[in-house]
Amino acid sequence: MEFEVRKVRAPQGRKKLHAEREEYFRLVQQGYSNKEASQRVGVHPRTARGWRNGRLLNSGRVEPPVRSQRAAVSVSSGRYLGEQERLDIADRLRERASIRTIAAELGRSPSTVSREIRRNGALWRGTEWTYRPHAAESRAAARRPRPKPGKIGRCPRLRDYIQERLERRWSPEQIAHQLRRDFPDDLEMRVTHETI
């Protein structure tokens, strides 16, 4: 469905501009500036900036930024932080948000966000701490375990030995001990019960 700027330009009051907000975040993600994206969507640039960065209310309370629903879906996996999450962390750190606030927005544990900043951040000019999301993404990808086959999968002789005993209802501990007895000098035929 193609986005269409609303015809009635009167103030919306408490009505939420969900479609406008989603279109705004989509345009920003494509590289449009705040001014260009807000003009295309049909909202004031200050409104769009409030969606993106949060705003200070008259009561003195800070309203947190509104996150796009589409951006929240782009998490690469439950285990690893995705590139969009790293971009969100960098944006919120620039806005001086607390680690707990960032973690709550991302739906992650504060320790996960803190660890990410500590591992993948860098000192800038020797004194200031900075976090660069694209560099952090490449560092994290380099540290991930490479996909390699397990020891049992690489050695057919070991696999057949283990399979035969498992079919006889041996426990993994029994198989590991028997391997040490049957092949005392062959390190290729050694495996722990956790691996089995």
C-alpha atoms as a PDB file:
ATOM      1  CA  MET A   1       0.000   0.000   0.000  1.00  0.00           C
ATOM      2  CA  GLU A   2       1.435   3.373  -1.071  1.00  0.00           C
ATOM      3  CA  PHE A   3       1.713   6.064   1.602  1.00  0.00           C
ATOM      4  CA  GLU A   4      -0.479   9.125   1.048  1.00  0.00           C
ATOM      5  CA  VAL A   5      -0.167  12.464   2.880  1.00  0.00           C
ATOM      6  CA  ARG A   6      -3.352  13.183   4.822  1.00  0.00           C
ATOM      7  CA  LYS A   7      -5.695  15.722   3.267  1.00  0.00           C
ATOM      8  CA  VAL A   8      -6.943  17.309   6.512  1.00  0.00           C
ATOM      9  CA  ARG A   9      -4.080  19.439   7.813  1.00  0.00           C
ATOM     10  CA  ALA A  10      -5.823  20.490  11.032  1.00  0.00           C
ATOM     11  CA  PRO A  11      -4.042  19.621  14.324  1.00  0.00           C
ATOM     12  CA  GLN A  12      -4.555  15.982  15.253  1.00  0.00           C
ATOM     13  CA  GLY A  13      -4.620  16.501  19.036  1.00  0.00           C
ATOM     14  CA  ARG A  14      -3.913  13.268  20.888  1.00  0.00           C
ATOM     15  CA  LYS A  15      -4.352  11.165  17.744  1.00  0.00           C
ATOM     16  CA  LYS A  16      -1.245   9.151  16.965  1.00  0.00           C
ATOM     17  CA  LEU A  17       0.191   9.500  13.499  1.00  0.00           C
ATOM     18  CA  HIS A  18       1.164   5.833  13.137  1.00  0.00           C
ATOM     19  CA  ALA A  19       1.262   5.700   9.327  1.00  0.00           C
ATOM     20  CA  GLU A  20       3.196   8.972   9.109  1.00  0.00           C
ATOM     21  CA  ARG A  21       5.677   7.799  11.724  1.00  0.00           C
ATOM     22  CA  GLU A  22       6.323   4.465   9.980  1.00  0.00           C
ATOM     23  CA  GLU A  23       6.803   6.204   6.631  1.00  0.00           C
ATOM     24  CA  TYR A  24       9.125   8.749   8.248  1.00  0.00           C
ATOM     25  CA  PHE A  25      11.323   6.004   9.759  1.00  0.00           C
ATOM     26  CA  ARG A  26      11.358   4.158   6.423  1.00  0.00           C
ATOM     27  CA  LEU A  27      12.557   7.301   4.616  1.00  0.00           C
ATOM     28  CA  VAL A  28      15.202   8.037   7.251  1.00  0.00           C
ATOM     29  CA  GLN A  29      16.443   4.468   6.954  1.00  0.00           C
ATOM     30  CA  GLN A  30      16.820   5.029   3.213  1.00  0.00           C
ATOM     31  CA  GLY A  31      19.046   8.045   3.903  1.00  0.00           C
ATOM     32  CA  TYR A  32      16.693  11.039   3.780  1.00  0.00           C
ATOM     33  CA  SER A  33      17.452  13.899   6.163  1.00  0.00           C
ATOM     34  CA  ASN A  34      15.018  14.815   8.931  1.00  0.00           C
ATOM     35  CA  LYS A  35      13.778  17.826   6.953  1.00  0.00           C
ATOM     36  CA  GLU A  36      13.254  15.931   3.682  1.00  0.00           C
ATOM     37  CA  ALA A  37      11.563  12.944   5.340  1.00  0.00           C
ATOM     38  CA  SER A  38       9.225  15.131   7.427  1.00  0.00           C
ATOM     39  CA  GLN A  39       8.219  17.173   4.361  1.00  0.00           C
ATOM     40  CA  ARG A  40       7.406  14.012   2.380  1.00  0.00           C
ATOM     41  CA  VAL A  41       5.346  12.634   5.262  1.00  0.00           C
ATOM     42  CA  GLY A  42       3.570  15.923   5.914  1.00  0.00           C
ATOM     43  CA  VAL A  43       4.591  16.662   9.513  1.00  0.00           C
ATOM     44  CA  HIS A  44       6.605  19.489  11.039  1.00  0.00           C
ATOM     45  CA  PRO A  45      10.362  18.743  11.280  1.00  0.00           C
ATOM     46  CA  ARG A  46      10.187  19.343  15.048  1.00  0.00           C
ATOM     47  CA  THR A  47       7.530  16.611  15.386  1.00  0.00           C
ATOM     48  CA  ALA A  48       9.683  14.181  13.419  1.00  0.00           C
ATOM     49  CA  ARG A  49      12.755  15.109  15.482  1.00  0.00           C
ATOM     50  CA  GLY A  50      10.724  14.347  18.608  1.00  0.00           C
ATOM     51  CA  TRP A  51       9.868  10.894  17.245  1.00  0.00           C
ATOM     52  CA  ARG A  52      13.499  10.237  16.528  1.00  0.00           C
ATOM     53  CA  ASN A  53      15.239  11.791  19.549  1.00  0.00           C
ATOM     54  CA  GLY A  54      12.551  12.132  22.212  1.00  0.00           C
ATOM     55  CA  ARG A  55      11.381  15.440  23.631  1.00  0.00           C
ATOM     56  CA  LEU A  56      11.095  17.450  26.822  1.00  0.00           C
ATOM     57  CA  LEU A  57       7.494  17.972  27.916  1.00  0.00           C
ATOM     58  CA  ASN A  58       6.204  21.143  29.628  1.00  0.00           C
ATOM     59  CA  SER A  59       5.982  19.221  32.893  1.00  0.00           C
ATOM     60  CA  GLY A  60       9.748  18.692  32.815  1.00  0.00           C
ATOM     61  CA  ARG A  61       9.350  14.975  32.096  1.00  0.00           C
ATOM     62  CA  VAL A  62      11.377  13.535  29.214  1.00  0.00           C
ATOM     63  CA  GLU A  63       9.382  11.570  26.637  1.00  0.00           C
ATOM     64  CA  PRO A  64      11.571   8.817  25.157  1.00  0.00           C
ATOM     65  CA  PRO A  65      11.986   8.545  21.403  1.00  0.00           C
ATOM     66  CA  VAL A  66       9.457   6.520  19.451  1.00  0.00           C
ATOM     67  CA  ARG A  67      11.024   3.510  17.792  1.00  0.00           C
ATOM     68  CA  SER A  68       9.796   2.265  14.464  1.00  0.00           C
ATOM     69  CA  GLN A  69       7.997  -1.085  14.595  1.00  0.00           C
ATOM     70  CA  ARG A  70       9.853  -2.142  11.444  1.00  0.00           C
ATOM     71  CA  ALA A  71      13.220  -1.353  12.997  1.00  0.00           C
ATOM     72  CA  ALA A  72      12.361  -3.510  16.000  1.00  0.00           C
ATOM     73  CA  VAL A  73      11.741  -6.514  13.726  1.00  0.00           C
ATOM     74  CA  SER A  74      15.171  -6.368  12.067  1.00  0.00           C
ATOM     75  CA  VAL A  75      17.006  -8.147  14.892  1.00  0.00           C
ATOM     76  CA  SER A  76      19.339 -10.724  13.382  1.00  0.00           C
ATOM     77  CA  SER A  77      18.869 -13.316  16.116  1.00  0.00           C
ATOM     78  CA  GLY A  78      17.963 -13.660  19.740  1.00  0.00           C
ATOM     79  CA  ARG A  79      21.518 -14.416  20.680  1.00  0.00           C
ATOM     80  CA  TYR A  80      23.549 -11.792  18.817  1.00  0.00           C
ATOM     81  CA  LEU A  81      22.895  -8.090  18.487  1.00  0.00           C
ATOM     82  CA  GLY A  82      21.960  -7.072  14.959  1.00  0.00           C
ATOM     83  CA  GLU A  83      23.265  -4.131  12.964  1.00  0.00           C
ATOM     84  CA  GLN A  84      20.061  -2.132  13.526  1.00  0.00           C
ATOM     85  CA  GLU A  85      20.382  -2.653  17.278  1.00  0.00           C
ATOM     86  CA  ARG A  86      23.973  -1.425  17.162  1.00  0.00           C
ATOM     87  CA  LEU A  87      22.858   1.666  15.229  1.00  0.00           C
ATOM     88  CA  ASP A  88      20.197   2.305  17.876  1.00  0.00           C
ATOM     89  CA  ILE A  89      22.794   1.951  20.647  1.00  0.00           C
ATOM     90  CA  ALA A  90      25.090   4.459  18.918  1.00  0.00           C
ATOM     91  CA  ASP A  91      22.238   6.945  18.387  1.00  0.00           C
ATOM     92  CA  ARG A  92      21.071   6.720  21.971  1.00  0.00           C
ATOM     93  CA  LEU A  93      24.632   6.994  23.359  1.00  0.00           C
ATOM     94  CA  ARG A  94      25.056  10.187  21.345  1.00  0.00           C
ATOM     95  CA  GLU A  95      21.862  11.450  22.996  1.00  0.00           C
ATOM     96  CA  ARG A  96      23.397  10.563  26.393  1.00  0.00           C
ATOM     97  CA  ALA A  97      20.733   7.991  27.286  1.00  0.00           C
ATOM     98  CA  SER A  98      21.494   5.594  30.121  1.00  0.00           C
ATOM     99  CA  ILE A  99      22.419   1.992  29.434  1.00  0.00           C
ATOM    100  CA  ARG A 100      19.279   0.784  31.211  1.00  0.00           C
ATOM    101  CA  THR A 101      17.098   3.000  29.015  1.00  0.00           C
ATOM    102  CA  ILE A 102      18.780   1.734  25.852  1.00  0.00           C
ATOM    103  CA  ALA A 103      18.421  -1.868  27.004  1.00  0.00           C
ATOM    104  CA  ALA A 104      14.717  -1.399  27.760  1.00  0.00           C
ATOM    105  CA  GLU A 105      14.088   0.093  24.298  1.00  0.00           C
ATOM    106  CA  LEU A 106      15.881  -2.792  22.596  1.00  0.00           C
ATOM    107  CA  GLY A 107      14.307  -5.458  24.793  1.00  0.00           C
ATOM    108  CA  ARG A 108      17.750  -6.619  25.921  1.00  0.00           C
ATOM    109  CA  SER A 109      19.424  -7.004  29.289  1.00  0.00           C
ATOM    110  CA  PRO A 110      21.420  -3.954  30.502  1.00  0.00           C
ATOM    111  CA  SER A 111      24.459  -6.190  30.893  1.00  0.00           C
ATOM    112  CA  THR A 112      24.222  -7.134  27.188  1.00  0.00           C
ATOM    113  CA  VAL A 113      24.275  -3.470  26.134  1.00  0.00           C
ATOM    114  CA  SER A 114      27.041  -2.619  28.598  1.00  0.00           C
ATOM    115  CA  ARG A 115      29.153  -5.551  27.405  1.00  0.00           C
ATOM    116  CA  GLU A 116      28.596  -4.553  23.768  1.00  0.00           C
ATOM    117  CA  ILE A 117      29.802  -1.006  24.422  1.00  0.00           C
ATOM    118  CA  ARG A 118      32.811  -2.204  26.413  1.00  0.00           C
ATOM    119  CA  ARG A 119      33.853  -4.860  23.874  1.00  0.00           C
ATOM    120  CA  ASN A 120      33.233  -2.970  20.663  1.00  0.00           C
ATOM    121  CA  GLY A 121      33.656   0.655  21.709  1.00  0.00           C
ATOM    122  CA  ALA A 122      36.916   2.547  21.300  1.00  0.00           C
ATOM    123  CA  LEU A 123      38.804   5.383  22.933  1.00  0.00           C
ATOM    124  CA  TRP A 124      38.786   8.478  20.764  1.00  0.00           C
ATOM    125  CA  ARG A 125      41.694  10.900  21.069  1.00  0.00           C
ATOM    126  CA  GLY A 126      42.875   8.980  24.094  1.00  0.00           C
ATOM    127  CA  THR A 127      40.258  10.257  26.547  1.00  0.00           C
ATOM    128  CA  GLU A 128      36.730  10.134  25.116  1.00  0.00           C
ATOM    129  CA  TRP A 129      34.839   6.877  24.743  1.00  0.00           C
ATOM    130  CA  THR A 130      33.048   6.411  21.419  1.00  0.00           C
ATOM    131  CA  TYR A 131      30.949   3.671  19.886  1.00  0.00           C
ATOM    132  CA  ARG A 132      30.925   3.142  16.114  1.00  0.00           C
ATOM    133  CA  PRO A 133      28.188   0.686  15.122  1.00  0.00           C
ATOM    134  CA  HIS A 134      29.542  -0.476  11.744  1.00  0.00           C
ATOM    135  CA  ALA A 135      33.011  -1.127  13.157  1.00  0.00           C
ATOM    136  CA  ALA A 136      31.372  -2.887  16.121  1.00  0.00           C
ATOM    137  CA  GLU A 137      29.362  -5.087  13.734  1.00  0.00           C
ATOM    138  CA  SER A 138      32.480  -6.181  11.835  1.00  0.00           C
ATOM    139  CA  ARG A 139      34.434  -6.815  15.075  1.00  0.00           C
ATOM    140  CA  ALA A 140      31.596  -8.914  16.473  1.00  0.00           C
ATOM    141  CA  ALA A 141      31.262 -10.882  13.224  1.00  0.00           C
ATOM    142  CA  ALA A 142      34.983 -11.648  13.255  1.00  0.00           C
ATOM    143  CA  ARG A 143      34.735 -13.012  16.811  1.00  0.00           C
ATOM    144  CA  ARG A 144      31.760 -15.277  16.159  1.00  0.00           C
ATOM    145  CA  PRO A 145      32.616 -18.944  16.031  1.00  0.00           C
ATOM    146  CA  ARG A 146      33.214 -20.154  12.538  1.00  0.00           C
ATOM    147  CA  PRO A 147      30.967 -22.976  11.372  1.00  0.00           C
ATOM    148  CA  LYS A 148      33.050 -26.095  11.634  1.00  0.00           C
ATOM    149  CA  PRO A 149      31.966 -29.707  11.969  1.00  0.00           C
ATOM    150  CA  GLY A 150      32.260 -31.358  15.340  1.00  0.00           C
ATOM    151  CA  LYS A 151      34.852 -33.990  16.159  1.00  0.00           C
ATOM    152  CA  ILE A 152      32.346 -36.844  15.953  1.00  0.00           C
ATOM    153  CA  GLY A 153      31.117 -35.682  12.543  1.00  0.00           C
ATOM    154  CA  ARG A 154      34.664 -35.438  11.129  1.00  0.00           C
ATOM    155  CA  CYS A 155      35.774 -38.948  12.109  1.00  0.00           C
ATOM    156  CA  PRO A 156      33.590 -41.758  10.682  1.00  0.00           C
ATOM    157  CA  ARG A 157      35.344 -44.427  12.763  1.00  0.00           C
ATOM    158  CA  LEU A 158      34.600 -42.552  15.994  1.00  0.00           C
ATOM    159  CA  ARG A 159      31.031 -41.821  14.894  1.00  0.00           C
ATOM    160  CA  ASP A 160      30.336 -45.514  14.139  1.00  0.00           C
ATOM    161  CA  TYR A 161      31.877 -46.587  17.467  1.00  0.00           C
ATOM    162  CA  ILE A 162      29.697 -44.150  19.417  1.00  0.00           C
ATOM    163  CA  GLN A 163      26.568 -44.940  17.392  1.00  0.00           C
ATOM    164  CA  GLU A 164      26.963 -48.679  17.994  1.00  0.00           C
ATOM    165  CA  ARG A 165      27.187 -48.210  21.768  1.00  0.00           C
ATOM    166  CA  LEU A 166      24.326 -45.723  21.880  1.00  0.00           C
ATOM    167  CA  GLU A 167      22.136 -48.289  20.121  1.00  0.00           C
ATOM    168  CA  ARG A 168      23.098 -50.735  22.885  1.00  0.00           C
ATOM    169  CA  ARG A 169      21.794 -48.097  25.364  1.00  0.00           C
ATOM    170  CA  TRP A 170      25.194 -47.153  26.819  1.00  0.00           C
ATOM    171  CA  SER A 171      25.434 -43.796  28.584  1.00  0.00           C
ATOM    172  CA  PRO A 172      27.787 -41.129  27.177  1.00  0.00           C
ATOM    173  CA  GLU A 173      29.993 -41.478  30.289  1.00  0.00           C
ATOM    174  CA  GLN A 174      30.361 -45.221  29.694  1.00  0.00           C
ATOM    175  CA  ILE A 175      31.257 -44.657  26.039  1.00  0.00           C
ATOM    176  CA  ALA A 176      33.876 -41.986  26.897  1.00  0.00           C
ATOM    177  CA  HIS A 177      35.539 -44.298  29.463  1.00  0.00           C
ATOM    178  CA  GLN A 178      35.470 -47.259  27.080  1.00  0.00           C
ATOM    179  CA  LEU A 179      37.074 -45.165  24.328  1.00  0.00           C
ATOM    180  CA  ARG A 180      40.032 -44.429  26.636  1.00  0.00           C
ATOM    181  CA  ARG A 181      40.408 -48.135  27.402  1.00  0.00           C
ATOM    182  CA  ASP A 182      40.049 -49.377  23.807  1.00  0.00           C
ATOM    183  CA  PHE A 183      42.224 -46.668  22.187  1.00  0.00           C
ATOM    184  CA  PRO A 184      44.778 -45.556  24.792  1.00  0.00           C
ATOM    185  CA  ASP A 185      47.249 -44.090  22.239  1.00  0.00           C
ATOM    186  CA  ASP A 186      44.834 -42.784  19.578  1.00  0.00           C
ATOM    187  CA  LEU A 187      43.911 -39.169  20.413  1.00  0.00           C
ATOM    188  CA  GLU A 188      41.523 -39.009  17.464  1.00  0.00           C
ATOM    189  CA  MET A 189      39.333 -41.596  19.196  1.00  0.00           C
ATOM    190  CA  ARG A 190      39.026 -39.533  22.397  1.00  0.00           C
ATOM    191  CA  VAL A 191      35.942 -37.514  23.141  1.00  0.00           C
ATOM    192  CA  THR A 192      34.216 -36.270  26.304  1.00  0.00           C
ATOM    193  CA  HIS A 193      30.787 -37.397  27.404  1.00  0.00           C
ATOM    194  CA  GLU A 194      29.498 -33.806  26.936  1.00  0.00           C
ATOM    195  CA  THR A 195      30.432 -33.985  23.249  1.00  0.00           C
ATOM    196  CA  ILE A 196      28.658 -37.318  22.885  1.00  0.00           C
END
